[in-house]
């Protein structure tokens, strides 16, 4: 059985995206840009932390989705999810630190790569 390299590249790209998100969060904490229990200047309700956890689970879920979902639906799932995450990140800009804005731009580059890979994969299989 030959491996489907596009699936592996997509899964690896989702890992990369997730690690960029986590790196930004960790650096924001160490830079002092985050006050515990608050989002921005306001206290965050408990449900907001659950929503944030769900959003952070999306790239993690996409790792398995990339490896296990049939190719036809995977193409569109990948494109839609990657674009949605990119829009979500652009909506939050700009951030306090240069490092954070740099990481968001890098993550947007990964989003573009993911969309392009999914799109090109389907076109090359036709």
PDB file of N, CA and C in Angstrom:
ATOM      1  N   UNK A   1       0.844  -1.182   0.000  1.00  0.00           N
ATOM      2  CA  UNK A   1       0.000   0.000   0.000  1.00  0.00           C
ATOM      3  C   UNK A   1       0.891   1.247   0.000  1.00  0.00           C
ATOM      4  N   UNK A   2       0.672   2.099  -0.973  1.00  0.00           N
ATOM      5  CA  UNK A   2       1.449   3.337  -1.043  1.00  0.00           C
ATOM      6  C   UNK A   2       0.790   4.426  -0.211  1.00  0.00           C
ATOM      7  N   UNK A   3       1.599   5.178   0.499  1.00  0.00           N
ATOM      8  CA  UNK A   3       1.012   6.258   1.303  1.00  0.00           C
ATOM      9  C   UNK A   3       0.495   7.382   0.404  1.00  0.00           C
ATOM     10  N   UNK A   4      -0.554   8.014   0.838  1.00  0.00           N
ATOM     11  CA  UNK A   4      -1.082   9.187   0.147  1.00  0.00           C
ATOM     12  C   UNK A   4      -0.373  10.396   0.746  1.00  0.00           C
ATOM     13  N   UNK A   5       0.648  10.878   0.046  1.00  0.00           N
ATOM     14  CA  UNK A   5       1.500  11.931   0.587  1.00  0.00           C
ATOM     15  C   UNK A   5       0.746  13.230   0.828  1.00  0.00           C
ATOM     16  N   UNK A   6      -0.287  13.471   0.043  1.00  0.00           N
ATOM     17  CA  UNK A   6      -1.046  14.708   0.256  1.00  0.00           C
ATOM     18  C   UNK A   6      -1.725  14.691   1.615  1.00  0.00           C
ATOM     19  N   UNK A   7      -2.269  13.553   2.005  1.00  0.00           N
ATOM     20  CA  UNK A   7      -2.887  13.438   3.334  1.00  0.00           C
ATOM     21  C   UNK A   7      -1.855  13.705   4.436  1.00  0.00           C
ATOM     22  N   UNK A   8      -0.658  13.165   4.243  1.00  0.00           N
ATOM     23  CA  UNK A   8       0.403  13.338   5.233  1.00  0.00           C
ATOM     24  C   UNK A   8       0.827  14.810   5.302  1.00  0.00           C
ATOM     25  N   UNK A   9       0.942  15.452   4.148  1.00  0.00           N
ATOM     26  CA  UNK A   9       1.294  16.876   4.111  1.00  0.00           C
ATOM     27  C   UNK A   9       0.204  17.706   4.782  1.00  0.00           C
ATOM     28  N   UNK A  10      -1.063  17.390   4.514  1.00  0.00           N
ATOM     29  CA  UNK A  10      -2.160  18.121   5.156  1.00  0.00           C
ATOM     30  C   UNK A  10      -2.131  17.931   6.672  1.00  0.00           C
ATOM     31  N   UNK A  11      -1.963  16.694   7.116  1.00  0.00           N
ATOM     32  CA  UNK A  11      -1.914  16.433   8.562  1.00  0.00           C
ATOM     33  C   UNK A  11      -0.749  17.187   9.204  1.00  0.00           C
ATOM     34  N   UNK A  12       0.412  17.150   8.555  1.00  0.00           N
ATOM     35  CA  UNK A  12       1.569  17.881   9.072  1.00  0.00           C
ATOM     36  C   UNK A  12       1.347  19.383   9.086  1.00  0.00           C
ATOM     37  N   UNK A  13       0.629  19.883   8.100  1.00  0.00           N
ATOM     38  CA  UNK A  13       0.325  21.317   8.047  1.00  0.00           C
ATOM     39  C   UNK A  13      -0.596  21.726   9.187  1.00  0.00           C
ATOM     40  N   UNK A  14      -1.564  20.859   9.517  1.00  0.00           N
ATOM     41  CA  UNK A  14      -2.452  21.153  10.654  1.00  0.00           C
ATOM     42  C   UNK A  14      -1.667  21.133  11.965  1.00  0.00           C
ATOM     43  N   UNK A  15      -0.701  20.219  12.081  1.00  0.00           N
ATOM     44  CA  UNK A  15       0.158  20.197  13.278  1.00  0.00           C
ATOM     45  C   UNK A  15       0.935  21.512  13.367  1.00  0.00           C
ATOM     46  N   UNK A  16       1.502  21.938  12.239  1.00  0.00           N
ATOM     47  CA  UNK A  16       2.257  23.189  12.200  1.00  0.00           C
ATOM     48  C   UNK A  16       1.387  24.371  12.621  1.00  0.00           C
ATOM     49  N   UNK A  17       0.175  24.440  12.086  1.00  0.00           N
ATOM     50  CA  UNK A  17      -0.740  25.532  12.416  1.00  0.00           C
ATOM     51  C   UNK A  17      -1.068  25.541  13.908  1.00  0.00           C
ATOM     52  N   UNK A  18      -1.356  24.356  14.446  1.00  0.00           N
ATOM     53  CA  UNK A  18      -1.682  24.256  15.866  1.00  0.00           C
ATOM     54  C   UNK A  18      -0.499  24.710  16.729  1.00  0.00           C
ATOM     55  N   UNK A  19       0.710  24.316  16.358  1.00  0.00           N
ATOM     56  CA  UNK A  19       1.884  24.703  17.138  1.00  0.00           C
ATOM     57  C   UNK A  19       2.148  26.209  17.063  1.00  0.00           C
ATOM     58  N   UNK A  20       1.875  26.826  15.917  1.00  0.00           N
ATOM     59  CA  UNK A  20       2.015  28.282  15.816  1.00  0.00           C
ATOM     60  C   UNK A  20       1.025  28.965  16.754  1.00  0.00           C
ATOM     61  N   UNK A  21      -0.231  28.475  16.774  1.00  0.00           N
ATOM     62  CA  UNK A  21      -1.234  29.038  17.686  1.00  0.00           C
ATOM     63  C   UNK A  21      -0.772  28.906  19.136  1.00  0.00           C
ATOM     64  N   UNK A  22      -0.290  27.729  19.497  1.00  0.00           N
ATOM     65  CA  UNK A  22       0.147  27.501  20.879  1.00  0.00           C
ATOM     66  C   UNK A  22       1.361  28.352  21.234  1.00  0.00           C
ATOM     67  N   UNK A  23       2.294  28.491  20.299  1.00  0.00           N
ATOM     68  CA  UNK A  23       3.468  29.329  20.534  1.00  0.00           C
ATOM     69  C   UNK A  23       3.047  30.770  20.803  1.00  0.00           C
ATOM     70  N   UNK A  24       2.107  31.273  20.018  1.00  0.00           N
ATOM     71  CA  UNK A  24       1.606  32.629  20.239  1.00  0.00           C
ATOM     72  C   UNK A  24       0.992  32.786  21.616  1.00  0.00           C
ATOM     73  N   UNK A  25       0.200  31.790  22.032  1.00  0.00           N
ATOM     74  CA  UNK A  25      -0.424  31.848  23.359  1.00  0.00           C
ATOM     75  C   UNK A  25       0.623  31.854  24.470  1.00  0.00           C
ATOM     76  N   UNK A  26       1.611  30.983  24.355  1.00  0.00           N
ATOM     77  CA  UNK A  26       2.657  30.898  25.380  1.00  0.00           C
ATOM     78  C   UNK A  26       3.467  32.198  25.434  1.00  0.00           C
ATOM     79  N   UNK A  27       3.854  32.713  24.277  1.00  0.00           N
ATOM     80  CA  UNK A  27       4.629  33.956  24.261  1.00  0.00           C
ATOM     81  C   UNK A  27       3.818  35.128  24.806  1.00  0.00           C
ATOM     82  N   UNK A  28       2.507  35.164  24.517  1.00  0.00           N
ATOM     83  CA  UNK A  28       1.651  36.223  25.059  1.00  0.00           C
ATOM     84  C   UNK A  28       1.627  36.178  26.580  1.00  0.00           C
ATOM     85  N   UNK A  29       1.596  34.972  27.131  1.00  0.00           N
ATOM     86  CA  UNK A  29       1.604  34.821  28.590  1.00  0.00           C
ATOM     87  C   UNK A  29       2.920  35.347  29.159  1.00  0.00           C
ATOM     88  N   UNK A  30       4.046  34.904  28.592  1.00  0.00           N
ATOM     89  CA  UNK A  30       5.348  35.318  29.116  1.00  0.00           C
ATOM     90  C   UNK A  30       5.631  36.795  28.877  1.00  0.00           C
ATOM     91  N   UNK A  31       5.060  37.368  27.818  1.00  0.00           N
ATOM     92  CA  UNK A  31       5.260  38.795  27.544  1.00  0.00           C
ATOM     93  C   UNK A  31       4.382  39.673  28.431  1.00  0.00           C
ATOM     94  N   UNK A  32       3.461  39.051  29.159  1.00  0.00           N
ATOM     95  CA  UNK A  32       2.582  39.816  30.036  1.00  0.00           C
ATOM     96  C   UNK A  32       1.402  40.452  29.323  1.00  0.00           C
ATOM     97  N   UNK A  33       1.085  39.971  28.132  1.00  0.00           N
ATOM     98  CA  UNK A  33      -0.022  40.535  27.361  1.00  0.00           C
ATOM     99  C   UNK A  33      -1.369  39.952  27.758  1.00  0.00           C
ATOM    100  N   UNK A  34      -1.357  38.965  28.624  1.00  0.00           N
ATOM    101  CA  UNK A  34      -2.597  38.312  29.039  1.00  0.00           C
ATOM    102  C   UNK A  34      -2.724  38.423  30.552  1.00  0.00           C
ATOM    103  N   UNK A  35      -3.882  38.856  30.989  1.00  0.00           N
ATOM    104  CA  UNK A  35      -4.180  38.875  32.415  1.00  0.00           C
ATOM    105  C   UNK A  35      -5.093  37.687  32.698  1.00  0.00           C
ATOM    106  N   UNK A  36      -4.731  36.822  33.643  1.00  0.00           N
ATOM    107  CA  UNK A  36      -5.541  35.630  33.914  1.00  0.00           C
ATOM    108  C   UNK A  36      -7.014  35.962  34.155  1.00  0.00           C
ATOM    109  N   UNK A  37      -7.874  35.192  33.504  1.00  0.00           N
ATOM    110  CA  UNK A  37      -9.314  35.352  33.680  1.00  0.00           C
ATOM    111  C   UNK A  37      -9.947  36.424  32.820  1.00  0.00           C
ATOM    112  N   UNK A  38      -9.136  37.114  32.014  1.00  0.00           N
ATOM    113  CA  UNK A  38      -9.684  38.191  31.188  1.00  0.00           C
ATOM    114  C   UNK A  38      -9.394  37.946  29.714  1.00  0.00           C
ATOM    115  N   UNK A  39     -10.296  38.435  28.891  1.00  0.00           N
ATOM    116  CA  UNK A  39     -10.077  38.513  27.449  1.00  0.00           C
ATOM    117  C   UNK A  39     -10.083  39.996  27.110  1.00  0.00           C
ATOM    118  N   UNK A  40      -8.938  40.487  26.711  1.00  0.00           N
ATOM    119  CA  UNK A  40      -8.815  41.927  26.532  1.00  0.00           C
ATOM    120  C   UNK A  40      -8.852  42.594  27.890  1.00  0.00           C
ATOM    121  N   UNK A  41      -9.761  43.517  28.057  1.00  0.00           N
ATOM    122  CA  UNK A  41      -9.882  44.248  29.321  1.00  0.00           C
ATOM    123  C   UNK A  41     -11.009  43.720  30.205  1.00  0.00           C
ATOM    124  N   UNK A  42     -11.826  42.808  29.663  1.00  0.00           N
ATOM    125  CA  UNK A  42     -13.015  42.355  30.393  1.00  0.00           C
ATOM    126  C   UNK A  42     -12.848  40.941  30.937  1.00  0.00           C
ATOM    127  N   UNK A  43     -13.480  40.662  32.076  1.00  0.00           N
ATOM    128  CA  UNK A  43     -13.490  39.286  32.580  1.00  0.00           C
ATOM    129  C   UNK A  43     -14.248  38.389  31.601  1.00  0.00           C
ATOM    130  N   UNK A  44     -13.736  37.185  31.409  1.00  0.00           N
ATOM    131  CA  UNK A  44     -14.369  36.253  30.475  1.00  0.00           C
ATOM    132  C   UNK A  44     -15.247  35.274  31.243  1.00  0.00           C
ATOM    133  N   UNK A  45     -16.479  35.080  30.772  1.00  0.00           N
ATOM    134  CA  UNK A  45     -17.344  34.089  31.419  1.00  0.00           C
ATOM    135  C   UNK A  45     -16.843  32.671  31.136  1.00  0.00           C
ATOM    136  N   UNK A  46     -17.280  31.717  31.943  1.00  0.00           N
ATOM    137  CA  UNK A  46     -16.831  30.332  31.805  1.00  0.00           C
ATOM    138  C   UNK A  46     -17.077  29.737  30.433  1.00  0.00           C
ATOM    139  N   UNK A  47     -18.225  30.053  29.830  1.00  0.00           N
ATOM    140  CA  UNK A  47     -18.537  29.481  28.519  1.00  0.00           C
ATOM    141  C   UNK A  47     -17.548  29.948  27.454  1.00  0.00           C
ATOM    142  N   UNK A  48     -16.954  31.127  27.655  1.00  0.00           N
ATOM    143  CA  UNK A  48     -16.006  31.654  26.679  1.00  0.00           C
ATOM    144  C   UNK A  48     -14.752  30.783  26.618  1.00  0.00           C
ATOM    145  N   UNK A  49     -14.314  30.274  27.773  1.00  0.00           N
ATOM    146  CA  UNK A  49     -13.138  29.398  27.792  1.00  0.00           C
ATOM    147  C   UNK A  49     -13.442  28.081  27.097  1.00  0.00           C
ATOM    148  N   UNK A  50     -14.682  27.614  27.224  1.00  0.00           N
ATOM    149  CA  UNK A  50     -15.082  26.396  26.514  1.00  0.00           C
ATOM    150  C   UNK A  50     -15.060  26.638  25.009  1.00  0.00           C
ATOM    151  N   UNK A  51     -15.564  27.780  24.580  1.00  0.00           N
ATOM    152  CA  UNK A  51     -15.547  28.126  23.157  1.00  0.00           C
ATOM    153  C   UNK A  51     -14.115  28.207  22.630  1.00  0.00           C
ATOM    154  N   UNK A  52     -13.232  28.810  23.399  1.00  0.00           N
ATOM    155  CA  UNK A  52     -11.825  28.902  22.999  1.00  0.00           C
ATOM    156  C   UNK A  52     -11.212  27.508  22.883  1.00  0.00           C
ATOM    157  N   UNK A  53     -11.536  26.623  23.829  1.00  0.00           N
ATOM    158  CA  UNK A  53     -11.025  25.246  23.771  1.00  0.00           C
ATOM    159  C   UNK A  53     -11.515  24.546  22.509  1.00  0.00           C
ATOM    160  N   UNK A  54     -12.777  24.746  22.163  1.00  0.00           N
ATOM    161  CA  UNK A  54     -13.337  24.124  20.952  1.00  0.00           C
ATOM    162  C   UNK A  54     -12.615  24.652  19.710  1.00  0.00           C
ATOM    163  N   UNK A  55     -12.380  25.957  19.660  1.00  0.00           N
ATOM    164  CA  UNK A  55     -11.675  26.539  18.514  1.00  0.00           C
ATOM    165  C   UNK A  55     -10.264  25.970  18.410  1.00  0.00           C
ATOM    166  N   UNK A  56      -9.584  25.807  19.541  1.00  0.00           N
ATOM    167  CA  UNK A  56      -8.232  25.239  19.518  1.00  0.00           C
ATOM    168  C   UNK A  56      -8.226  23.755  19.167  1.00  0.00           C
ATOM    169  N   UNK A  57      -9.350  23.079  19.399  1.00  0.00           N
ATOM    170  CA  UNK A  57      -9.442  21.665  19.033  1.00  0.00           C
ATOM    171  C   UNK A  57      -9.614  21.458  17.530  1.00  0.00           C
ATOM    172  N   UNK A  58     -10.021  22.494  16.814  1.00  0.00           N
ATOM    173  CA  UNK A  58     -10.277  22.349  15.379  1.00  0.00           C
ATOM    174  C   UNK A  58      -9.043  21.859  14.622  1.00  0.00           C
ATOM    175  N   UNK A  59      -7.865  22.520  14.732  1.00  0.00           N
ATOM    176  CA  UNK A  59      -6.719  21.989  13.990  1.00  0.00           C
ATOM    177  C   UNK A  59      -6.299  20.596  14.467  1.00  0.00           C
ATOM    178  N   UNK A  60      -6.513  20.305  15.739  1.00  0.00           N
ATOM    179  CA  UNK A  60      -6.189  18.966  16.249  1.00  0.00           C
ATOM    180  C   UNK A  60      -7.101  17.931  15.598  1.00  0.00           C
ATOM    181  N   UNK A  61      -8.392  18.239  15.525  1.00  0.00           N
ATOM    182  CA  UNK A  61      -9.343  17.327  14.878  1.00  0.00           C
ATOM    183  C   UNK A  61      -9.030  17.178  13.391  1.00  0.00           C
ATOM    184  N   UNK A  62      -8.535  18.246  12.772  1.00  0.00           N
ATOM    185  CA  UNK A  62      -8.232  18.187  11.340  1.00  0.00           C
ATOM    186  C   UNK A  62      -7.037  17.288  11.035  1.00  0.00           C
ATOM    187  N   UNK A  63      -6.183  17.041  12.009  1.00  0.00           N
ATOM    188  CA  UNK A  63      -5.072  16.107  11.795  1.00  0.00           C
ATOM    189  C   UNK A  63      -5.642  14.725  11.487  1.00  0.00           C
ATOM    190  N   UNK A  64      -6.520  14.244  12.360  1.00  0.00           N
ATOM    191  CA  UNK A  64      -7.140  12.935  12.126  1.00  0.00           C
ATOM    192  C   UNK A  64      -8.068  12.953  10.924  1.00  0.00           C
ATOM    193  N   UNK A  65      -8.800  14.033  10.762  1.00  0.00           N
ATOM    194  CA  UNK A  65      -9.702  14.147   9.617  1.00  0.00           C
ATOM    195  C   UNK A  65      -8.922  14.018   8.316  1.00  0.00           C
ATOM    196  N   UNK A  66      -7.752  14.631   8.240  1.00  0.00           N
ATOM    197  CA  UNK A  66      -6.923  14.567   7.034  1.00  0.00           C
ATOM    198  C   UNK A  66      -6.472  13.150   6.717  1.00  0.00           C
ATOM    199  N   UNK A  67      -6.312  12.351   7.745  1.00  0.00           N
ATOM    200  CA  UNK A  67      -5.825  10.987   7.544  1.00  0.00           C
ATOM    201  C   UNK A  67      -6.937   9.970   7.332  1.00  0.00           C
ATOM    202  N   UNK A  68      -8.147  10.260   7.822  1.00  0.00           N
ATOM    203  CA  UNK A  68      -9.198   9.241   7.842  1.00  0.00           C
ATOM    204  C   UNK A  68     -10.397   9.505   6.940  1.00  0.00           C
ATOM    205  N   UNK A  69     -10.592  10.721   6.487  1.00  0.00           N
ATOM    206  CA  UNK A  69     -11.780  11.059   5.705  1.00  0.00           C
ATOM    207  C   UNK A  69     -11.546  10.767   4.225  1.00  0.00           C
ATOM    208  N   UNK A  70     -12.559  10.258   3.522  1.00  0.00           N
ATOM    209  CA  UNK A  70     -12.419  10.049   2.075  1.00  0.00           C
ATOM    210  C   UNK A  70     -12.046  11.357   1.357  1.00  0.00           C
ATOM    211  N   UNK A  71     -11.346  11.223   0.245  1.00  0.00           N
ATOM    212  CA  UNK A  71     -10.756  12.381  -0.440  1.00  0.00           C
ATOM    213  C   UNK A  71     -11.765  13.448  -0.861  1.00  0.00           C
ATOM    214  N   UNK A  72     -12.888  13.050  -1.430  1.00  0.00           N
ATOM    215  CA  UNK A  72     -13.835  14.049  -1.958  1.00  0.00           C
ATOM    216  C   UNK A  72     -14.351  14.994  -0.868  1.00  0.00           C
ATOM    217  N   UNK A  73     -14.897  14.485   0.240  1.00  0.00           N
ATOM    218  CA  UNK A  73     -15.342  15.435   1.270  1.00  0.00           C
ATOM    219  C   UNK A  73     -14.172  16.117   1.985  1.00  0.00           C
ATOM    220  N   UNK A  74     -13.038  15.433   2.078  1.00  0.00           N
ATOM    221  CA  UNK A  74     -11.885  16.016   2.770  1.00  0.00           C
ATOM    222  C   UNK A  74     -11.437  17.304   2.097  1.00  0.00           C
ATOM    223  N   UNK A  75     -11.469  17.315   0.783  1.00  0.00           N
ATOM    224  CA  UNK A  75     -11.054  18.520   0.050  1.00  0.00           C
ATOM    225  C   UNK A  75     -11.844  19.729   0.534  1.00  0.00           C
ATOM    226  N   UNK A  76     -13.163  19.624   0.563  1.00  0.00           N
ATOM    227  CA  UNK A  76     -14.005  20.767   0.926  1.00  0.00           C
ATOM    228  C   UNK A  76     -13.977  21.054   2.423  1.00  0.00           C
ATOM    229  N   UNK A  77     -13.915  20.024   3.235  1.00  0.00           N
ATOM    230  CA  UNK A  77     -13.801  20.233   4.687  1.00  0.00           C
ATOM    231  C   UNK A  77     -12.530  21.025   4.986  1.00  0.00           C
ATOM    232  N   UNK A  78     -11.435  20.621   4.367  1.00  0.00           N
ATOM    233  CA  UNK A  78     -10.144  21.271   4.585  1.00  0.00           C
ATOM    234  C   UNK A  78     -10.175  22.733   4.147  1.00  0.00           C
ATOM    235  N   UNK A  79     -10.701  22.979   2.961  1.00  0.00           N
ATOM    236  CA  UNK A  79     -10.752  24.344   2.433  1.00  0.00           C
ATOM    237  C   UNK A  79     -11.611  25.234   3.327  1.00  0.00           C
ATOM    238  N   UNK A  80     -12.799  24.758   3.691  1.00  0.00           N
ATOM    239  CA  UNK A  80     -13.725  25.560   4.497  1.00  0.00           C
ATOM    240  C   UNK A  80     -13.153  25.839   5.888  1.00  0.00           C
ATOM    241  N   UNK A  81     -12.630  24.809   6.541  1.00  0.00           N
ATOM    242  CA  UNK A  81     -12.105  24.981   7.904  1.00  0.00           C
ATOM    243  C   UNK A  81     -10.888  25.905   7.907  1.00  0.00           C
ATOM    244  N   UNK A  82     -10.003  25.742   6.936  1.00  0.00           N
ATOM    245  CA  UNK A  82      -8.805  26.576   6.892  1.00  0.00           C
ATOM    246  C   UNK A  82      -9.157  28.043   6.642  1.00  0.00           C
ATOM    247  N   UNK A  83     -10.090  28.296   5.733  1.00  0.00           N
ATOM    248  CA  UNK A  83     -10.515  29.674   5.468  1.00  0.00           C
ATOM    249  C   UNK A  83     -11.204  30.261   6.701  1.00  0.00           C
ATOM    250  N   UNK A  84     -12.043  29.470   7.374  1.00  0.00           N
ATOM    251  CA  UNK A  84     -12.738  29.956   8.578  1.00  0.00           C
ATOM    252  C   UNK A  84     -11.740  30.341   9.672  1.00  0.00           C
ATOM    253  N   UNK A  85     -10.714  29.518   9.881  1.00  0.00           N
ATOM    254  CA  UNK A  85      -9.700  29.846  10.891  1.00  0.00           C
ATOM    255  C   UNK A  85      -8.911  31.098  10.501  1.00  0.00           C
ATOM    256  N   UNK A  86      -8.631  31.244   9.211  1.00  0.00           N
ATOM    257  CA  UNK A  86      -7.910  32.435   8.753  1.00  0.00           C
ATOM    258  C   UNK A  86      -8.734  33.696   9.012  1.00  0.00           C
ATOM    259  N   UNK A  87     -10.025  33.641   8.695  1.00  0.00           N
ATOM    260  CA  UNK A  87     -10.905  34.796   8.937  1.00  0.00           C
ATOM    261  C   UNK A  87     -10.961  35.110  10.429  1.00  0.00           C
ATOM    262  N   UNK A  88     -11.067  34.080  11.249  1.00  0.00           N
ATOM    263  CA  UNK A  88     -11.095  34.256  12.705  1.00  0.00           C
ATOM    264  C   UNK A  88      -9.842  34.980  13.188  1.00  0.00           C
ATOM    265  N   UNK A  89      -8.683  34.585  12.657  1.00  0.00           N
ATOM    266  CA  UNK A  89      -7.420  35.206  13.080  1.00  0.00           C
ATOM    267  C   UNK A  89      -7.276  36.636  12.573  1.00  0.00           C
ATOM    268  N   UNK A  90      -7.699  36.894  11.351  1.00  0.00           N
ATOM    269  CA  UNK A  90      -7.623  38.249  10.806  1.00  0.00           C
ATOM    270  C   UNK A  90      -8.535  39.184  11.601  1.00  0.00           C
ATOM    271  N   UNK A  91      -9.684  38.681  12.034  1.00  0.00           N
ATOM    272  CA  UNK A  91     -10.632  39.496  12.803  1.00  0.00           C
ATOM    273  C   UNK A  91     -10.033  39.956  14.130  1.00  0.00           C
ATOM    274  N   UNK A  92      -9.090  39.199  14.673  1.00  0.00           N
ATOM    275  CA  UNK A  92      -8.483  39.550  15.951  1.00  0.00           C
ATOM    276  C   UNK A  92      -7.295  40.485  15.852  1.00  0.00           C
ATOM    277  N   UNK A  93      -6.845  40.791  14.643  1.00  0.00           N
ATOM    278  CA  UNK A  93      -5.660  41.637  14.475  1.00  0.00           C
ATOM    279  C   UNK A  93      -6.013  43.102  14.687  1.00  0.00           C
ATOM    280  N   UNK A  94      -5.062  43.943  15.028  1.00  0.00           N
ATOM    281  CA  UNK A  94      -3.680  43.629  15.369  1.00  0.00           C
ATOM    282  C   UNK A  94      -3.559  43.253  16.844  1.00  0.00           C
ATOM    283  N   UNK A  95      -2.486  42.548  17.148  1.00  0.00           N
ATOM    284  CA  UNK A  95      -2.191  42.169  18.521  1.00  0.00           C
ATOM    285  C   UNK A  95      -1.127  43.106  19.081  1.00  0.00           C
ATOM    286  N   UNK A  96      -0.908  43.043  20.408  1.00  0.00           N
ATOM    287  CA  UNK A  96       0.035  43.961  21.070  1.00  0.00           C
ATOM    288  C   UNK A  96       1.458  43.817  20.551  1.00  0.00           C
ATOM    289  N   UNK A  97       1.965  42.594  20.541  1.00  0.00           N
ATOM    290  CA  UNK A  97       3.370  42.385  20.236  1.00  0.00           C
ATOM    291  C   UNK A  97       3.632  42.119  18.764  1.00  0.00           C
ATOM    292  N   UNK A  98       4.796  42.569  18.293  1.00  0.00           N
ATOM    293  CA  UNK A  98       5.208  42.277  16.921  1.00  0.00           C
ATOM    294  C   UNK A  98       5.263  40.775  16.699  1.00  0.00           C
ATOM    295  N   UNK A  99       5.782  40.043  17.700  1.00  0.00           N
ATOM    296  CA  UNK A  99       5.907  38.586  17.584  1.00  0.00           C
ATOM    297  C   UNK A  99       4.551  37.949  17.309  1.00  0.00           C
ATOM    298  N   UNK A 100       3.512  38.454  17.952  1.00  0.00           N
ATOM    299  CA  UNK A 100       2.180  37.880  17.798  1.00  0.00           C
ATOM    300  C   UNK A 100       1.631  38.133  16.396  1.00  0.00           C
ATOM    301  N   UNK A 101       1.816  39.351  15.901  1.00  0.00           N
ATOM    302  CA  UNK A 101       1.379  39.665  14.541  1.00  0.00           C
ATOM    303  C   UNK A 101       2.167  38.853  13.518  1.00  0.00           C
ATOM    304  N   UNK A 102       3.467  38.669  13.776  1.00  0.00           N
ATOM    305  CA  UNK A 102       4.291  37.848  12.894  1.00  0.00           C
ATOM    306  C   UNK A 102       3.777  36.410  12.863  1.00  0.00           C
ATOM    307  N   UNK A 103       3.465  35.857  14.029  1.00  0.00           N
ATOM    308  CA  UNK A 103       2.961  34.484  14.087  1.00  0.00           C
ATOM    309  C   UNK A 103       1.605  34.355  13.393  1.00  0.00           C
ATOM    310  N   UNK A 104       0.759  35.365  13.514  1.00  0.00           N
ATOM    311  CA  UNK A 104      -0.529  35.325  12.820  1.00  0.00           C
ATOM    312  C   UNK A 104      -0.312  35.346  11.312  1.00  0.00           C
ATOM    313  N   UNK A 105       0.603  36.184  10.831  1.00  0.00           N
ATOM    314  CA  UNK A 105       0.902  36.222   9.396  1.00  0.00           C
ATOM    315  C   UNK A 105       1.446  34.870   8.940  1.00  0.00           C
ATOM    316  N   UNK A 106       2.331  34.269   9.732  1.00  0.00           N
ATOM    317  CA  UNK A 106       2.843  32.935   9.389  1.00  0.00           C
ATOM    318  C   UNK A 106       1.716  31.909   9.361  1.00  0.00           C
ATOM    319  N   UNK A 107       0.810  31.987  10.332  1.00  0.00           N
ATOM    320  CA  UNK A 107      -0.307  31.037  10.350  1.00  0.00           C
ATOM    321  C   UNK A 107      -1.209  31.240   9.139  1.00  0.00           C
ATOM    322  N   UNK A 108      -1.378  32.488   8.707  1.00  0.00           N
ATOM    323  CA  UNK A 108      -2.170  32.739   7.498  1.00  0.00           C
ATOM    324  C   UNK A 108      -1.486  32.135   6.274  1.00  0.00           C
ATOM    325  N   UNK A 109      -0.154  32.184   6.246  1.00  0.00           N
ATOM    326  CA  UNK A 109       0.589  31.522   5.167  1.00  0.00           C
ATOM    327  C   UNK A 109       0.355  30.019   5.171  1.00  0.00           C
ATOM    328  N   UNK A 110       0.319  29.420   6.353  1.00  0.00           N
ATOM    329  CA  UNK A 110       0.028  27.984   6.463  1.00  0.00           C
ATOM    330  C   UNK A 110      -1.400  27.713   6.009  1.00  0.00           C
ATOM    331  N   UNK A 111      -2.343  28.599   6.376  1.00  0.00           N
ATOM    332  CA  UNK A 111      -3.724  28.444   5.913  1.00  0.00           C
ATOM    333  C   UNK A 111      -3.794  28.451   4.385  1.00  0.00           C
ATOM    334  N   UNK A 112      -3.087  29.374   3.757  1.00  0.00           N
ATOM    335  CA  UNK A 112      -3.066  29.441   2.289  1.00  0.00           C
ATOM    336  C   UNK A 112      -2.478  28.152   1.723  1.00  0.00           C
ATOM    337  N   UNK A 113      -1.393  27.676   2.321  1.00  0.00           N
ATOM    338  CA  UNK A 113      -0.774  26.431   1.864  1.00  0.00           C
ATOM    339  C   UNK A 113      -1.740  25.249   1.995  1.00  0.00           C
ATOM    340  N   UNK A 114      -2.467  25.178   3.105  1.00  0.00           N
ATOM    341  CA  UNK A 114      -3.432  24.094   3.316  1.00  0.00           C
ATOM    342  C   UNK A 114      -4.522  24.144   2.250  1.00  0.00           C
ATOM    343  N   UNK A 115      -5.076  25.330   2.011  1.00  0.00           N
ATOM    344  CA  UNK A 115      -6.131  25.470   0.995  1.00  0.00           C
ATOM    345  C   UNK A 115      -5.589  25.102  -0.381  1.00  0.00           C
ATOM    346  N   UNK A 116      -4.415  25.605  -0.724  1.00  0.00           N
ATOM    347  CA  UNK A 116      -3.821  25.308  -2.028  1.00  0.00           C
ATOM    348  C   UNK A 116      -3.559  23.806  -2.184  1.00  0.00           C
ATOM    349  N   UNK A 117      -3.035  23.180  -1.131  1.00  0.00           N
ATOM    350  CA  UNK A 117      -2.750  21.742  -1.190  1.00  0.00           C
ATOM    351  C   UNK A 117      -4.027  20.945  -1.399  1.00  0.00           C
ATOM    352  N   UNK A 118      -5.078  21.275  -0.661  1.00  0.00           N
ATOM    353  CA  UNK A 118      -6.353  20.564  -0.812  1.00  0.00           C
ATOM    354  C   UNK A 118      -6.930  20.787  -2.205  1.00  0.00           C
ATOM    355  N   UNK A 119      -6.875  22.007  -2.690  1.00  0.00           N
ATOM    356  CA  UNK A 119      -7.419  22.321  -4.011  1.00  0.00           C
ATOM    357  C   UNK A 119      -6.621  21.620  -5.111  1.00  0.00           C
ATOM    358  N   UNK A 120      -5.303  21.703  -5.061  1.00  0.00           N
ATOM    359  CA  UNK A 120      -4.449  21.091  -6.080  1.00  0.00           C
ATOM    360  C   UNK A 120      -4.547  19.575  -6.052  1.00  0.00           C
ATOM    361  N   UNK A 121      -4.725  18.990  -4.885  1.00  0.00           N
ATOM    362  CA  UNK A 121      -4.852  17.544  -4.738  1.00  0.00           C
ATOM    363  C   UNK A 121      -6.054  17.045  -5.514  1.00  0.00           C
ATOM    364  N   UNK A 122      -7.173  17.706  -5.366  1.00  0.00           N
ATOM    365  CA  UNK A 122      -8.379  17.291  -6.075  1.00  0.00           C
ATOM    366  C   UNK A 122      -8.216  17.478  -7.573  1.00  0.00           C
ATOM    367  N   UNK A 123      -7.628  18.603  -7.987  1.00  0.00           N
ATOM    368  CA  UNK A 123      -7.463  18.863  -9.410  1.00  0.00           C
ATOM    369  C   UNK A 123      -6.510  17.874 -10.061  1.00  0.00           C
ATOM    370  N   UNK A 124      -5.478  17.450  -9.358  1.00  0.00           N
ATOM    371  CA  UNK A 124      -4.520  16.510  -9.934  1.00  0.00           C
ATOM    372  C   UNK A 124      -5.083  15.096 -10.005  1.00  0.00           C
ATOM    373  N   UNK A 125      -6.120  14.814  -9.215  1.00  0.00           N
ATOM    374  CA  UNK A 125      -6.710  13.477  -9.214  1.00  0.00           C
ATOM    375  C   UNK A 125      -7.778  13.340 -10.282  1.00  0.00           C
ATOM    376  N   UNK A 126      -8.219  14.454 -10.870  1.00  0.00           N
ATOM    377  CA  UNK A 126      -9.314  14.418 -11.852  1.00  0.00           C
ATOM    378  C   UNK A 126      -8.862  13.870 -13.181  1.00  0.00           C
TER     379      UNK A 126
END
